Amino acid sequence: MYTLSITNHFDAAHRLSGYKGNCKKIHGHRWVVTVIFKGPDLNNWGALIDFKEVKDYLKKYIDDRYDHKLMLKTQDKLNGKIKKILPMDWITWTEQNPTAENITRDIFQDLSPWFKSKKIKLEKVVVFETPKNGVSYRSSQKK
């Protein structure tokens, strides 16, 4: 079994609804995302998958969904006020609070079908919101 990883980053802001500390305020991070995937079979030229294909897909996904956006929870009265003054394409709306944990899970769930279509498995997503604080998420299903 081969295990590979690709890392990318994005710059985005968020605020945590219902949080008592400073993170209730809008603030930004340079988020670093690593996707780890695996598969047993190499292609005819000796690779699991072309790294460029994964890098391009991950970059497009991150750029479209997160890069230079404000991540906000949909069910928050303050966030409802914010959406009245900012263009909608500046905001990524989330059902849960945009914590590092929830963002990591969302990225994993969004990317899994693409990896499955390539006949490889997305093993884990790791997201760092600061150089020292990160979260990983993996599927609980055994295959």
Protein backbone atom coordinates (compact mmCIF):
# COMPACT_ATOMS: atom_id res chain seq x y z
CA MET A 1 0.00 0.00 0.00
CA TYR A 2 1.35 3.44 -0.96
CA THR A 3 0.60 6.56 1.09
CA LEU A 4 1.15 10.00 -0.45
CA SER A 5 0.50 13.54 0.68
CA ILE A 6 0.00 16.97 -0.86
CA THR A 7 0.07 20.26 1.05
CA ASN A 8 -1.43 23.62 0.12
CA HIS A 9 -2.51 26.72 2.01
CA PHE A 10 -5.07 29.48 2.00
CA ASP A 11 -5.58 32.79 3.73
CA ALA A 12 -9.01 33.30 5.26
CA ALA A 13 -10.81 34.86 8.18
CA HIS A 14 -13.47 33.45 10.47
CA ARG A 15 -15.27 34.13 13.70
CA LEU A 16 -16.59 31.63 16.21
CA SER A 17 -20.24 32.04 17.13
CA GLY A 18 -21.03 31.62 20.81
CA TYR A 19 -17.37 31.70 21.82
CA LYS A 20 -16.46 33.81 24.86
CA GLY A 21 -12.82 34.62 24.01
CA ASN A 22 -11.13 36.73 21.35
CA CYS A 23 -12.04 34.28 18.56
CA LYS A 24 -15.61 35.61 18.66
CA LYS A 25 -14.14 38.53 16.69
CA ILE A 26 -13.34 38.29 13.01
CA HIS A 27 -9.69 37.28 12.64
CA GLY A 28 -7.55 35.63 10.00
CA HIS A 29 -5.09 32.81 9.58
CA ARG A 30 -2.83 31.28 6.98
CA TRP A 31 -4.42 27.83 6.97
CA VAL A 32 -2.21 24.91 5.85
CA VAL A 33 -4.00 21.86 4.44
CA THR A 34 -2.41 18.45 3.87
CA VAL A 35 -4.33 15.65 2.21
CA ILE A 36 -3.03 12.13 2.71
CA PHE A 37 -4.23 9.42 0.37
CA LYS A 38 -3.39 5.82 -0.36
CA GLY A 39 -3.76 3.07 -2.87
CA PRO A 40 -2.25 -0.33 -3.63
CA ASP A 41 -1.65 -0.12 -7.38
CA LEU A 42 0.74 1.96 -9.44
CA ASN A 43 -0.14 3.09 -12.95
CA ASN A 44 1.74 2.07 -16.11
CA TRP A 45 4.52 4.63 -15.52
CA GLY A 46 5.05 3.72 -11.86
CA ALA A 47 2.99 6.24 -9.87
CA LEU A 48 -0.13 5.97 -7.75
CA ILE A 49 -1.41 9.19 -9.34
CA ASP A 50 0.18 12.21 -10.97
CA PHE A 51 0.99 14.65 -8.15
CA LYS A 52 0.13 17.52 -10.50
CA GLU A 53 -3.42 16.22 -10.91
CA VAL A 54 -3.95 16.17 -7.14
CA LYS A 55 -2.22 19.54 -6.61
CA ASP A 56 -4.33 21.19 -9.31
CA TYR A 57 -7.57 19.75 -7.93
CA LEU A 58 -6.73 20.70 -4.34
CA LYS A 59 -5.70 24.23 -5.35
CA LYS A 60 -8.91 24.82 -7.31
CA TYR A 61 -11.04 23.47 -4.46
CA ILE A 62 -9.27 25.62 -1.86
CA ASP A 63 -9.28 28.74 -4.04
CA ASP A 64 -12.99 28.40 -4.83
CA ARG A 65 -14.18 27.53 -1.34
CA TYR A 66 -11.82 29.16 1.14
CA ASP A 67 -9.03 31.40 -0.12
CA HIS A 68 -9.46 35.08 0.87
CA LYS A 69 -12.94 34.42 2.22
CA LEU A 70 -14.68 35.04 5.51
CA MET A 71 -15.97 31.77 7.01
CA LEU A 72 -19.18 32.17 8.99
CA LYS A 73 -21.80 29.94 10.59
CA THR A 74 -25.16 30.31 8.88
CA GLN A 75 -27.31 30.30 12.03
CA ASP A 76 -25.92 33.35 13.82
CA LYS A 77 -27.74 36.69 14.10
CA LEU A 78 -24.52 38.74 13.90
CA ASN A 79 -23.46 36.86 10.78
CA GLY A 80 -26.85 37.67 9.26
CA LYS A 81 -26.00 41.36 9.65
CA ILE A 82 -22.57 40.85 8.07
CA LYS A 83 -24.05 39.26 4.96
CA LYS A 84 -26.08 42.41 4.33
CA ILE A 85 -22.92 44.47 3.80
CA LEU A 86 -20.47 42.02 2.18
CA PRO A 87 -20.74 40.48 -1.29
CA MET A 88 -21.84 36.85 -1.02
CA ASP A 89 -18.80 35.58 -2.91
CA TRP A 90 -16.61 36.93 -0.09
CA ILE A 91 -18.18 34.51 2.41
CA THR A 92 -18.06 30.75 2.86
CA TRP A 93 -21.09 29.68 4.87
CA THR A 94 -20.87 26.67 7.17
CA GLU A 95 -23.60 24.79 9.02
CA GLN A 96 -21.35 24.35 12.05
CA ASN A 97 -19.04 26.87 13.65
CA PRO A 98 -16.00 27.37 11.37
CA THR A 99 -13.56 25.85 13.85
CA ALA A 100 -10.42 24.13 12.63
CA GLU A 101 -12.10 20.83 13.51
CA ASN A 102 -15.22 21.49 11.44
CA ILE A 103 -13.26 22.91 8.50
CA THR A 104 -11.00 19.85 8.48
CA ARG A 105 -13.99 17.48 8.48
CA ASP A 106 -15.73 19.49 5.73
CA ILE A 107 -12.63 19.38 3.52
CA PHE A 108 -12.34 15.62 4.06
CA GLN A 109 -16.00 15.05 3.16
CA ASP A 110 -15.84 17.35 0.13
CA LEU A 111 -12.68 15.75 -1.30
CA SER A 112 -13.44 12.07 -0.61
CA PRO A 113 -15.65 11.51 -3.70
CA TRP A 114 -12.98 12.89 -6.05
CA PHE A 115 -10.32 10.57 -4.62
CA LYS A 116 -12.73 7.63 -4.81
CA SER A 117 -13.35 8.41 -8.49
CA LYS A 118 -9.59 8.05 -9.05
CA LYS A 119 -9.66 4.62 -7.36
CA ILE A 120 -7.57 5.82 -4.44
CA LYS A 121 -8.68 6.49 -0.89
CA LEU A 122 -8.47 9.76 0.96
CA GLU A 123 -6.92 8.63 4.23
CA LYS A 124 -6.71 11.82 6.24
CA VAL A 125 -6.87 15.61 6.07
CA VAL A 126 -4.69 17.74 8.36
CA VAL A 127 -5.35 21.47 8.78
CA PHE A 128 -3.16 23.90 10.71
CA GLU A 129 -4.67 27.30 11.51
CA THR A 130 -1.39 28.48 13.06
CA PRO A 131 2.11 26.99 12.83
CA LYS A 132 1.56 25.33 16.21
CA ASN A 133 -2.16 24.39 16.20
CA GLY A 134 -3.59 21.79 13.88
CA VAL A 135 -6.32 19.19 13.55
CA SER A 136 -6.57 15.94 11.61
CA TYR A 137 -9.69 14.11 10.44
CA ARG A 138 -10.03 10.66 8.96
CA SER A 139 -13.00 8.55 8.06
CA SER A 140 -14.23 6.24 10.77
CA GLN A 141 -15.12 3.61 8.17
CA LYS A 142 -12.73 0.71 7.68
CA LYS A 143 -12.26 -0.48 4.10
